[in-house]
C-alpha atoms as a PDB file:
ATOM      1  CA  MET A   1     126.291  21.501  76.908  1.00  0.00           C
ATOM      2  CA  PRO A   2     122.734  22.086  76.523  1.00  0.00           C
ATOM      3  CA  GLU A   3     121.492  24.708  74.106  1.00  0.00           C
ATOM      4  CA  PRO A   4     120.850  28.268  75.693  1.00  0.00           C
ATOM      5  CA  SER A   5     117.577  29.739  75.867  1.00  0.00           C
ATOM      6  CA  GLU A   6     116.811  32.909  73.811  1.00  0.00           C
ATOM      7  CA  PRO A   7     118.556  35.862  75.350  1.00  0.00           C
ATOM      8  CA  HIS A   8     116.622  38.450  76.862  1.00  0.00           C
ATOM      9  CA  THR A   9     116.425  41.726  75.020  1.00  0.00           C
ATOM     10  CA  ASP A  10     114.711  43.819  77.241  1.00  0.00           C
ATOM     11  CA  GLU A  11     116.980  47.006  78.559  1.00  0.00           C
ATOM     12  CA  THR A  12     116.945  46.253  82.189  1.00  0.00           C
ATOM     13  CA  GLY A  13     118.125  42.482  81.350  1.00  0.00           C
ATOM     14  CA  ILE A  14     115.877  41.363  83.822  1.00  0.00           C
ATOM     15  CA  GLY A  15     114.031  38.037  82.758  1.00  0.00           C
ATOM     16  CA  SER A  16     114.300  34.236  83.948  1.00  0.00           C
ATOM     17  CA  HIS A  17     117.627  35.285  85.216  1.00  0.00           C
ATOM     18  CA  THR A  18     117.868  37.196  88.555  1.00  0.00           C
ATOM     19  CA  LEU A  19     120.155  39.755  87.443  1.00  0.00           C
ATOM     20  CA  GLY A  20     119.504  43.719  87.510  1.00  0.00           C
ATOM     21  CA  PRO A  21     120.992  47.133  88.001  1.00  0.00           C
ATOM     22  CA  GLN A  22     120.917  46.136  91.879  1.00  0.00           C
ATOM     23  CA  VAL A  23     123.839  43.753  91.425  1.00  0.00           C
ATOM     24  CA  VAL A  24     126.228  46.683  90.646  1.00  0.00           C
ATOM     25  CA  GLY A  25     128.950  45.920  93.603  1.00  0.00           C
ATOM     26  CA  GLN A  26     128.015  42.138  94.000  1.00  0.00           C
ATOM     27  CA  ARG A  27     129.801  39.055  92.816  1.00  0.00           C
ATOM     28  CA  ILE A  28     127.975  37.430  90.068  1.00  0.00           C
ATOM     29  CA  VAL A  29     127.769  34.609  87.215  1.00  0.00           C
ATOM     30  CA  VAL A  30     126.740  35.065  83.791  1.00  0.00           C
ATOM     31  CA  ARG A  31     126.187  32.793  80.726  1.00  0.00           C
ATOM     32  CA  HIS A  32     126.207  34.937  77.873  1.00  0.00           C
ATOM     33  CA  LEU A  33     126.824  34.417  73.806  1.00  0.00           C
ATOM     34  CA  LEU A  34     129.612  35.438  71.863  1.00  0.00           C
ATOM     35  CA  PRO A  35     129.858  36.541  68.320  1.00  0.00           C
ATOM     36  CA  ASP A  36     129.743  33.152  67.018  1.00  0.00           C
ATOM     37  CA  GLY A  37     127.009  32.080  68.681  1.00  0.00           C
ATOM     38  CA  ARG A  38     128.746  29.869  71.309  1.00  0.00           C
ATOM     39  CA  ALA A  39     128.058  30.507  75.149  1.00  0.00           C
ATOM     40  CA  THR A  40     130.510  31.223  77.546  1.00  0.00           C
ATOM     41  CA  ASP A  41     130.573  31.958  81.380  1.00  0.00           C
ATOM     42  CA  VAL A  42     132.227  34.847  83.186  1.00  0.00           C
ATOM     43  CA  LEU A  43     132.377  35.089  86.988  1.00  0.00           C
ATOM     44  CA  GLY A  44     133.369  38.203  88.503  1.00  0.00           C
ATOM     45  CA  THR A  45     132.139  41.415  90.626  1.00  0.00           C
ATOM     46  CA  CYS A  46     129.588  43.737  88.670  1.00  0.00           C
ATOM     47  CA  THR A  47     131.086  47.020  88.338  1.00  0.00           C
ATOM     48  CA  ALA A  48     128.504  48.595  85.790  1.00  0.00           C
ATOM     49  CA  TRP A  49     125.192  48.214  84.500  1.00  0.00           C
ATOM     50  CA  GLY A  50     123.418  50.445  81.586  1.00  0.00           C
ATOM     51  CA  GLY A  51     123.451  51.508  78.569  1.00  0.00           C
ATOM     52  CA  GLY A  52     122.667  48.305  77.135  1.00  0.00           C
ATOM     53  CA  THR A  53     125.911  46.357  78.714  1.00  0.00           C
ATOM     54  CA  LEU A  54     126.639  45.080  82.292  1.00  0.00           C
ATOM     55  CA  THR A  55     130.663  45.288  82.988  1.00  0.00           C
ATOM     56  CA  ILE A  56     132.179  42.066  84.831  1.00  0.00           C
ATOM     57  CA  ASP A  57     135.825  42.592  86.790  1.00  0.00           C
ATOM     58  CA  ARG A  58     136.965  39.229  86.612  1.00  0.00           C
ATOM     59  CA  ASP A  59     138.937  39.080  89.999  1.00  0.00           C
ATOM     60  CA  GLY A  60     141.947  40.718  88.558  1.00  0.00           C
ATOM     61  CA  HIS A  61     141.808  39.346  85.506  1.00  0.00           C
ATOM     62  CA  GLY A  62     140.243  42.350  83.824  1.00  0.00           C
ATOM     63  CA  PRO A  63     136.752  43.824  82.738  1.00  0.00           C
ATOM     64  CA  VAL A  64     134.441  41.997  80.103  1.00  0.00           C
ATOM     65  CA  VAL A  65     131.571  43.931  78.827  1.00  0.00           C
ATOM     66  CA  VAL A  66     128.447  41.682  78.191  1.00  0.00           C
ATOM     67  CA  PRO A  67     125.597  43.349  75.931  1.00  0.00           C
ATOM     68  CA  LEU A  68     122.542  42.758  78.129  1.00  0.00           C
ATOM     69  CA  ALA A  69     120.672  41.139  75.242  1.00  0.00           C
ATOM     70  CA  ASP A  70     123.402  38.380  74.990  1.00  0.00           C
ATOM     71  CA  VAL A  71     122.629  37.592  78.624  1.00  0.00           C
ATOM     72  CA  VAL A  72     121.486  33.853  78.518  1.00  0.00           C
ATOM     73  CA  THR A  73     121.413  33.304  82.420  1.00  0.00           C
ATOM     74  CA  GLY A  74     122.951  34.662  85.650  1.00  0.00           C
ATOM     75  CA  LYS A  75     122.635  34.833  89.356  1.00  0.00           C
ATOM     76  CA  PRO A  76     124.629  36.449  92.103  1.00  0.00           C
ATOM     77  CA  VAL A  77     126.810  34.204  93.774  1.00  0.00           C
ATOM     78  CA  PRO A  78     128.648  34.491  97.531  1.00  0.00           C
ATOM     79  CA  PRO A  79     131.242  36.491  97.594  1.00  0.00           C
ATOM     80  CA  ARG A  80     134.887  35.165  97.677  1.00  0.00           C
ATOM     81  CA  ALA A  81     136.067  34.679 100.795  1.00  0.00           C
ATOM     82  CA  SER A  82     139.174  36.613 102.083  1.00  0.00           C
ATOM     83  CA  VAL A  83     142.343  35.007 102.582  1.00  0.00           C
ATOM     84  CA  ARG A  84     141.960  36.216 106.049  1.00  0.00           C
ATOM     85  CA  ALA A  85     138.891  34.002 106.552  1.00  0.00           C
ATOM     86  CA  ARG A  86     141.149  31.083 106.802  1.00  0.00           C
ATOM     87  CA  VAL A  87     143.437  32.417 110.085  1.00  0.00           C
ATOM     88  CA  PRO A  88     142.252  30.881 113.265  1.00  0.00           C
ATOM     89  CA  ALA A  89     139.698  32.766 115.455  1.00  0.00           C
ATOM     90  CA  ARG A  90     142.017  33.841 118.443  1.00  0.00           C
ATOM     91  CA  GLU A  91     144.171  35.632 115.389  1.00  0.00           C
ATOM     92  CA  VAL A  92     141.175  37.272 114.150  1.00  0.00           C
ATOM     93  CA  GLU A  93     140.303  38.335 118.081  1.00  0.00           C
ATOM     94  CA  LEU A  94     143.687  39.371 118.936  1.00  0.00           C
ATOM     95  CA  HIS A  95     142.775  42.559 116.819  1.00  0.00           C
ATOM     96  CA  ILE A  96     140.342  43.816 119.157  1.00  0.00           C
ATOM     97  CA  GLY A  97     142.606  44.996 121.732  1.00  0.00           C
ATOM     98  CA  ALA A  98     143.516  48.044 118.993  1.00  0.00           C
ATOM     99  CA  LEU A  99     139.888  49.476 119.778  1.00  0.00           C
ATOM    100  CA  TRP A 100     141.042  50.525 123.235  1.00  0.00           C
ATOM    101  CA  THR A 101     143.860  53.327 123.939  1.00  0.00           C
ATOM    102  CA  SER A 102     144.726  51.463 127.190  1.00  0.00           C
ATOM    103  CA  ILE A 103     144.312  47.934 127.656  1.00  0.00           C
ATOM    104  CA  GLU A 104     146.351  45.625 130.439  1.00  0.00           C
ATOM    105  CA  THR A 105     147.213  42.178 129.127  1.00  0.00           C
ATOM    106  CA  GLU A 106     148.708  39.251 130.268  1.00  0.00           C
ATOM    107  CA  PRO A 107     149.234  35.820 129.002  1.00  0.00           C
ATOM    108  CA  LEU A 108     147.818  32.851 130.613  1.00  0.00           C
ATOM    109  CA  GLY A 109     149.331  29.930 128.988  1.00  0.00           C
ATOM    110  CA  ASP A 110     147.867  30.064 124.964  1.00  0.00           C
ATOM    111  CA  TRP A 111     144.796  32.496 126.672  1.00  0.00           C
ATOM    112  CA  LEU A 112     145.088  36.104 127.267  1.00  0.00           C
ATOM    113  CA  LEU A 113     143.683  38.063 129.874  1.00  0.00           C
ATOM    114  CA  ARG A 114     142.507  41.450 129.142  1.00  0.00           C
ATOM    115  CA  ALA A 115     141.234  44.421 131.085  1.00  0.00           C
ATOM    116  CA  SER A 116     140.335  47.602 129.737  1.00  0.00           C
ATOM    117  CA  PRO A 117     138.407  51.213 131.306  1.00  0.00           C
ATOM    118  CA  PRO A 118     134.768  51.492 130.521  1.00  0.00           C
ATOM    119  CA  HIS A 119     133.748  52.364 126.621  1.00  0.00           C
ATOM    120  CA  GLY A 120     131.056  53.977 125.732  1.00  0.00           C
ATOM    121  CA  GLY A 121     130.370  54.503 129.401  1.00  0.00           C
ATOM    122  CA  ARG A 122     130.600  51.052 130.220  1.00  0.00           C
ATOM    123  CA  LEU A 123     133.097  48.041 130.359  1.00  0.00           C
ATOM    124  CA  ARG A 124     132.948  45.742 127.421  1.00  0.00           C
ATOM    125  CA  ARG A 125     133.052  42.168 127.742  1.00  0.00           C
ATOM    126  CA  ARG A 126     135.479  41.910 124.726  1.00  0.00           C
ATOM    127  CA  GLY A 127     138.124  44.290 126.186  1.00  0.00           C
ATOM    128  CA  ASN A 128     137.542  42.552 129.820  1.00  0.00           C
ATOM    129  CA  SER A 129     137.399  38.865 129.236  1.00  0.00           C
ATOM    130  CA  ALA A 130     140.212  36.326 129.104  1.00  0.00           C
ATOM    131  CA  LEU A 131     140.554  35.082 125.487  1.00  0.00           C
ATOM    132  CA  ALA A 132     140.141  31.459 125.528  1.00  0.00           C
ATOM    133  CA  MET A 133     139.459  29.807 121.302  1.00  0.00           C
ATOM    134  CA  ASP A 134     141.793  26.765 122.357  1.00  0.00           C
ATOM    135  CA  GLU A 135     143.171  24.624 125.174  1.00  0.00           C
ATOM    136  CA  PRO A 136     144.732  26.827 127.806  1.00  0.00           C
ATOM    137  CA  GLY A 137     148.158  25.055 127.561  1.00  0.00           C
ATOM    138  CA  ILE A 138     148.149  24.622 131.487  1.00  0.00           C
ATOM    139  CA  GLY A 139     145.750  22.572 133.557  1.00  0.00           C
ATOM    140  CA  TRP A 140     142.016  23.628 133.112  1.00  0.00           C
ATOM    141  CA  ALA A 141     141.458  24.078 136.654  1.00  0.00           C
ATOM    142  CA  ASP A 142     144.833  25.900 137.226  1.00  0.00           C
ATOM    143  CA  ALA A 143     143.489  28.429 133.988  1.00  0.00           C
ATOM    144  CA  ALA A 144     139.838  28.896 135.490  1.00  0.00           C
ATOM    145  CA  TRP A 145     141.301  29.791 138.719  1.00  0.00           C
ATOM    146  CA  ARG A 146     143.701  31.976 137.556  1.00  0.00           C
ATOM    147  CA  VAL A 147     140.845  33.985 135.265  1.00  0.00           C
ATOM    148  CA  ARG A 148     138.695  34.346 138.795  1.00  0.00           C
ATOM    149  CA  GLU A 149     141.741  35.382 140.544  1.00  0.00           C
ATOM    150  CA  PHE A 150     143.030  38.361 137.972  1.00  0.00           C
ATOM    151  CA  TYR A 151     139.451  39.591 137.632  1.00  0.00           C
ATOM    152  CA  GLU A 152     138.336  39.429 141.527  1.00  0.00           C
ATOM    153  CA  VAL A 153     141.729  41.870 142.247  1.00  0.00           C
ATOM    154  CA  ARG A 154     139.926  44.155 139.444  1.00  0.00           C
ATOM    155  CA  GLU A 155     136.599  44.035 141.375  1.00  0.00           C
ATOM    156  CA  GLN A 156     135.127  42.527 137.628  1.00  0.00           C
ATOM    157  CA  ALA A 157     133.125  39.654 136.891  1.00  0.00           C
ATOM    158  CA  ALA A 158     135.383  36.865 135.353  1.00  0.00           C
ATOM    159  CA  TYR A 159     134.266  36.340 131.773  1.00  0.00           C
ATOM    160  CA  ILE A 160     136.152  34.342 129.340  1.00  0.00           C
ATOM    161  CA  GLN A 161     135.481  34.638 125.677  1.00  0.00           C
ATOM    162  CA  VAL A 162     135.294  31.439 123.829  1.00  0.00           C
ATOM    163  CA  GLN A 163     134.199  29.848 120.304  1.00  0.00           C
ATOM    164  CA  ARG A 164     130.189  29.057 120.766  1.00  0.00           C
ATOM    165  CA  GLY A 165     129.743  25.088 120.592  1.00  0.00           C
ATOM    166  CA  SER A 166     133.469  24.881 120.858  1.00  0.00           C
ATOM    167  CA  HIS A 167     135.350  22.063 123.386  1.00  0.00           C
ATOM    168  CA  VAL A 168     136.701  24.863 125.252  1.00  0.00           C
ATOM    169  CA  GLU A 169     133.454  25.934 126.349  1.00  0.00           C
ATOM    170  CA  LYS A 170     132.036  22.291 127.278  1.00  0.00           C
ATOM    171  CA  THR A 171     135.193  21.831 129.195  1.00  0.00           C
ATOM    172  CA  LEU A 172     134.937  24.659 131.198  1.00  0.00           C
ATOM    173  CA  ALA A 173     130.917  24.247 132.169  1.00  0.00           C
ATOM    174  CA  PRO A 174     132.096  21.576 135.021  1.00  0.00           C
ATOM    175  CA  LEU A 175     134.482  24.457 136.335  1.00  0.00           C
ATOM    176  CA  GLY A 176     131.669  26.975 137.065  1.00  0.00           C
ATOM    177  CA  PHE A 177     131.753  28.900 133.771  1.00  0.00           C
ATOM    178  CA  SER A 178     128.082  29.518 131.775  1.00  0.00           C
ATOM    179  CA  SER A 179     126.591  31.631 129.464  1.00  0.00           C
ATOM    180  CA  LEU A 180     124.277  34.321 130.532  1.00  0.00           C
ATOM    181  CA  GLY A 181     122.099  33.788 127.689  1.00  0.00           C
ATOM    182  CA  ASP A 182     123.068  36.775 126.214  1.00  0.00           C
ATOM    183  CA  GLY A 183     125.755  38.793 124.152  1.00  0.00           C
ATOM    184  CA  ASP A 184     126.537  35.738 121.499  1.00  0.00           C
ATOM    185  CA  ALA A 185     128.330  37.794 118.966  1.00  0.00           C
ATOM    186  CA  HIS A 186     129.480  36.741 115.091  1.00  0.00           C
ATOM    187  CA  ALA A 187     132.700  38.030 114.055  1.00  0.00           C
ATOM    188  CA  GLN A 188     132.557  39.027 110.773  1.00  0.00           C
ATOM    189  CA  LEU A 189     134.953  39.939 107.821  1.00  0.00           C
ATOM    190  CA  ALA A 190     135.259  41.245 104.339  1.00  0.00           C
ATOM    191  CA  SER A 191     137.268  42.587 101.900  1.00  0.00           C
ATOM    192  CA  VAL A 192     137.752  46.203 102.258  1.00  0.00           C
ATOM    193  CA  ALA A 193     137.941  47.154  98.917  1.00  0.00           C
ATOM    194  CA  ARG A 194     134.977  44.881  98.042  1.00  0.00           C
ATOM    195  CA  ALA A 195     132.744  46.259 100.576  1.00  0.00           C
ATOM    196  CA  LEU A 196     133.454  49.942  99.656  1.00  0.00           C
ATOM    197  CA  ARG A 197     132.432  49.204  95.845  1.00  0.00           C
ATOM    198  CA  SER A 198     129.045  47.612  97.409  1.00  0.00           C
ATOM    199  CA  VAL A 199     128.378  50.502  99.930  1.00  0.00           C
ATOM    200  CA  ARG A 200     129.379  53.194  97.527  1.00  0.00           C
ATOM    201  CA  ARG A 201     126.514  52.598  95.216  1.00  0.00           C
ATOM    202  CA  LEU A 202     123.789  52.842  97.826  1.00  0.00           C
ATOM    203  CA  ALA A 203     124.893  55.142 100.572  1.00  0.00           C
ATOM    204  CA  PRO A 204     122.761  58.493 100.474  1.00  0.00           C
ATOM    205  CA  ASP A 205     124.491  62.013 100.174  1.00  0.00           C
ATOM    206  CA  ALA A 206     124.534  63.341 103.971  1.00  0.00           C
ATOM    207  CA  PRO A 207     126.578  65.563 105.497  1.00  0.00           C
ATOM    208  CA  ALA A 208     129.410  64.157 107.115  1.00  0.00           C
ATOM    209  CA  GLU A 209     131.641  65.113 110.229  1.00  0.00           C
ATOM    210  CA  ILE A 210     134.723  63.176 110.471  1.00  0.00           C
ATOM    211  CA  ASP A 211     137.306  63.378 113.499  1.00  0.00           C
ATOM    212  CA  GLU A 212     140.224  61.178 112.660  1.00  0.00           C
ATOM    213  CA  SER A 213     144.186  60.170 114.012  1.00  0.00           C
ATOM    214  CA  GLU A 214     146.504  58.317 112.593  1.00  0.00           C
ATOM    215  CA  THR A 215     144.575  54.554 113.507  1.00  0.00           C
ATOM    216  CA  ALA A 216     141.294  55.815 114.118  1.00  0.00           C
ATOM    217  CA  VAL A 217     138.327  57.852 112.625  1.00  0.00           C
ATOM    218  CA  SER A 218     134.646  58.415 114.259  1.00  0.00           C
ATOM    219  CA  VAL A 219     131.852  59.144 111.527  1.00  0.00           C
ATOM    220  CA  SER A 220     128.745  61.450 112.458  1.00  0.00           C
ATOM    221  CA  LEU A 221     126.199  62.154 110.074  1.00  0.00           C
ATOM    222  CA  ASP A 222     123.080  64.278 109.734  1.00  0.00           C
ATOM    223  CA  SER A 223     124.252  66.183 113.017  1.00  0.00           C
ATOM    224  CA  GLY A 224     124.602  62.781 115.051  1.00  0.00           C
ATOM    225  CA  ALA A 225     121.747  60.997 113.879  1.00  0.00           C
ATOM    226  CA  ALA A 226     124.032  58.123 112.441  1.00  0.00           C
ATOM    227  CA  VAL A 227     127.673  57.495 114.031  1.00  0.00           C
ATOM    228  CA  GLY A 228     130.323  54.781 113.669  1.00  0.00           C
ATOM    229  CA  ARG A 229     134.128  54.286 114.608  1.00  0.00           C
ATOM    230  CA  GLY A 230     136.918  52.810 112.627  1.00  0.00           C
ATOM    231  CA  VAL A 231     140.102  51.388 114.105  1.00  0.00           C
ATOM    232  CA  LEU A 232     143.417  50.280 112.115  1.00  0.00           C
ATOM    233  CA  SER A 233     145.228  47.347 113.534  1.00  0.00           C
ATOM    234  CA  GLY A 234     147.855  46.695 110.891  1.00  0.00           C
ATOM    235  CA  ASP A 235     145.998  46.313 107.619  1.00  0.00           C
ATOM    236  CA  TRP A 236     142.628  44.995 109.324  1.00  0.00           C
ATOM    237  CA  LEU A 237     140.211  47.726 109.951  1.00  0.00           C
ATOM    238  CA  LEU A 238     137.814  47.145 113.017  1.00  0.00           C
ATOM    239  CA  VAL A 239     134.271  48.736 112.557  1.00  0.00           C
ATOM    240  CA  GLU A 240     132.783  49.436 115.876  1.00  0.00           C
ATOM    241  CA  GLY A 241     129.850  51.584 117.028  1.00  0.00           C
ATOM    242  CA  LEU A 242     127.426  51.722 114.014  1.00  0.00           C
ATOM    243  CA  LEU A 243     124.183  53.333 115.544  1.00  0.00           C
ATOM    244  CA  VAL A 244     121.227  55.198 113.894  1.00  0.00           C
ATOM    245  CA  ASP A 245     118.816  56.869 115.560  1.00  0.00           C
ATOM    246  CA  GLU A 246     115.243  55.213 115.665  1.00  0.00           C
ATOM    247  CA  ALA A 247     113.655  58.658 114.014  1.00  0.00           C
ATOM    248  CA  HIS A 248     115.927  58.454 111.309  1.00  0.00           C
ATOM    249  CA  ARG A 249     116.470  55.057 110.101  1.00  0.00           C
ATOM    250  CA  ARG A 250     115.567  53.500 106.951  1.00  0.00           C
ATOM    251  CA  ARG A 251     117.393  56.538 105.226  1.00  0.00           C
ATOM    252  CA  GLY A 252     120.300  54.368 104.295  1.00  0.00           C
ATOM    253  CA  LEU A 253     122.336  56.194 106.696  1.00  0.00           C
ATOM    254  CA  ALA A 254     123.964  52.976 108.318  1.00  0.00           C
ATOM    255  CA  THR A 255     125.062  52.408 104.900  1.00  0.00           C
ATOM    256  CA  ALA A 256     126.350  56.281 104.220  1.00  0.00           C
ATOM    257  CA  VAL A 257     128.466  55.815 107.940  1.00  0.00           C
ATOM    258  CA  LEU A 258     130.075  52.590 106.775  1.00  0.00           C
ATOM    259  CA  ALA A 259     131.304  54.181 103.364  1.00  0.00           C
ATOM    260  CA  GLU A 260     132.972  56.707 105.128  1.00  0.00           C
ATOM    261  CA  VAL A 261     134.652  54.323 107.537  1.00  0.00           C
ATOM    262  CA  LEU A 262     135.697  51.636 104.803  1.00  0.00           C
ATOM    263  CA  ASP A 263     136.725  54.555 102.410  1.00  0.00           C
ATOM    264  CA  TRP A 264     138.878  55.971 105.480  1.00  0.00           C
ATOM    265  CA  GLY A 265     140.603  52.571 105.952  1.00  0.00           C
ATOM    266  CA  ALA A 266     140.988  51.885 102.226  1.00  0.00           C
ATOM    267  CA  SER A 267     143.095  55.148 101.878  1.00  0.00           C
ATOM    268  CA  ARG A 268     145.343  53.839 104.783  1.00  0.00           C
ATOM    269  CA  GLY A 269     146.217  50.818 103.282  1.00  0.00           C
ATOM    270  CA  ALA A 270     143.405  48.345 105.242  1.00  0.00           C
ATOM    271  CA  THR A 271     142.468  45.360 103.421  1.00  0.00           C
ATOM    272  CA  THR A 272     140.156  43.436 105.785  1.00  0.00           C
ATOM    273  CA  ALA A 273     137.668  44.778 107.616  1.00  0.00           C
ATOM    274  CA  MET A 274     136.274  43.036 110.724  1.00  0.00           C
ATOM    275  CA  LEU A 275     133.307  43.681 113.054  1.00  0.00           C
ATOM    276  CA  HIS A 276     131.158  41.935 115.796  1.00  0.00           C
ATOM    277  CA  VAL A 277     127.512  41.761 115.769  1.00  0.00           C
ATOM    278  CA  GLU A 278     125.185  40.374 117.916  1.00  0.00           C
ATOM    279  CA  THR A 279     123.405  37.389 116.807  1.00  0.00           C
ATOM    280  CA  VAL A 280     119.973  38.649 117.551  1.00  0.00           C
ATOM    281  CA  ASN A 281     120.773  41.772 115.865  1.00  0.00           C
ATOM    282  CA  THR A 282     119.347  40.737 112.366  1.00  0.00           C
ATOM    283  CA  GLY A 283     118.990  43.912 111.135  1.00  0.00           C
ATOM    284  CA  ALA A 284     122.696  44.770 111.275  1.00  0.00           C
ATOM    285  CA  ILE A 285     123.471  41.311 110.137  1.00  0.00           C
ATOM    286  CA  ALA A 286     121.504  41.399 107.084  1.00  0.00           C
ATOM    287  CA  LEU A 287     122.984  45.031 106.181  1.00  0.00           C
ATOM    288  CA  TYR A 288     126.348  43.695 106.460  1.00  0.00           C
ATOM    289  CA  GLU A 289     126.160  40.334 104.706  1.00  0.00           C
ATOM    290  CA  GLN A 290     124.549  42.619 101.564  1.00  0.00           C
ATOM    291  CA  HIS A 291     127.775  44.244 101.597  1.00  0.00           C
ATOM    292  CA  GLY A 292     130.037  41.147 101.669  1.00  0.00           C
ATOM    293  CA  PHE A 293     130.848  40.349 105.205  1.00  0.00           C
ATOM    294  CA  VAL A 294     130.610  36.904 106.151  1.00  0.00           C
ATOM    295  CA  THR A 295     130.729  35.129 109.453  1.00  0.00           C
ATOM    296  CA  HIS A 296     134.435  33.949 110.613  1.00  0.00           C
ATOM    297  CA  HIS A 297     133.110  32.783 113.943  1.00  0.00           C
ATOM    298  CA  THR A 298     130.645  32.938 116.576  1.00  0.00           C
ATOM    299  CA  ASN A 299     131.933  34.466 120.137  1.00  0.00           C
ATOM    300  CA  ARG A 300     130.298  33.619 123.412  1.00  0.00           C
ATOM    301  CA  TYR A 301     131.123  34.788 126.779  1.00  0.00           C
ATOM    302  CA  LEU A 302     130.955  32.704 129.779  1.00  0.00           C
ATOM    303  CA  VAL A 303     131.112  34.008 133.496  1.00  0.00           C
ATOM    304  CA  GLY A 304     132.392  32.347 136.476  1.00  0.00           C
ATOM    305  CA  SER A 305     129.608  31.585 139.216  1.00  0.00           C
END
């Protein structure tokens, strides 16, 4: 093992490493000196910084308090993936149905036809499309015809939700289904507990109005300047409709709404948070990734010609 460099003695602990008070709530790896002069590494979530020390929760193995003067090197590391990150895309997307109090579904082989009423004043593609994350289990031409028939009866466009770049998308192209060129959306997942720790340290104080039921919560901050919604699907928390009025942006209100929704979900036993964010919304993606959300897969909506 190479000899460690001299530890930093500055109170902030900011030197050649990239650590500082801003890493509270993030996963980090730290090499620090032991009393006998040897160096050791510790990996986990930084839960406190100040008073000349930092505290690291070693992923369920208990906290370690490290004097800042003993820190040799350190850096943030990507959040550990939730076990839910390994589930198939179809299983993740099936939770979306919980967003609507009324949704009509009909199996189509291994696909699922869906129709739901307008939400927020308009029909949502994810509630009015055939969920097709793998082969249909019946003939491709038959499946495409049945999708068109299902939505024609309802006087709706025939949409199919697929995983972007998948063999399903490629196979449907010669059958007359193609992307409109907009609406691609990442499905992102996070640990509720870890995301909540992260948002709590940054969320500003703002008057909140909470409207909740057993399975859903709506949050409004600062007289409607920022709003958001959370819905339970088992122990999954679906986050949606997080909006901040343009005149009130850059005040941390989106983080504050997210904190309220995550806190509500955690109090009801939610362990995994999920959301859809359009790929062009780079600001929202940066916000969610800052708090531990990672992309599980990317959705694309194809429409029949």
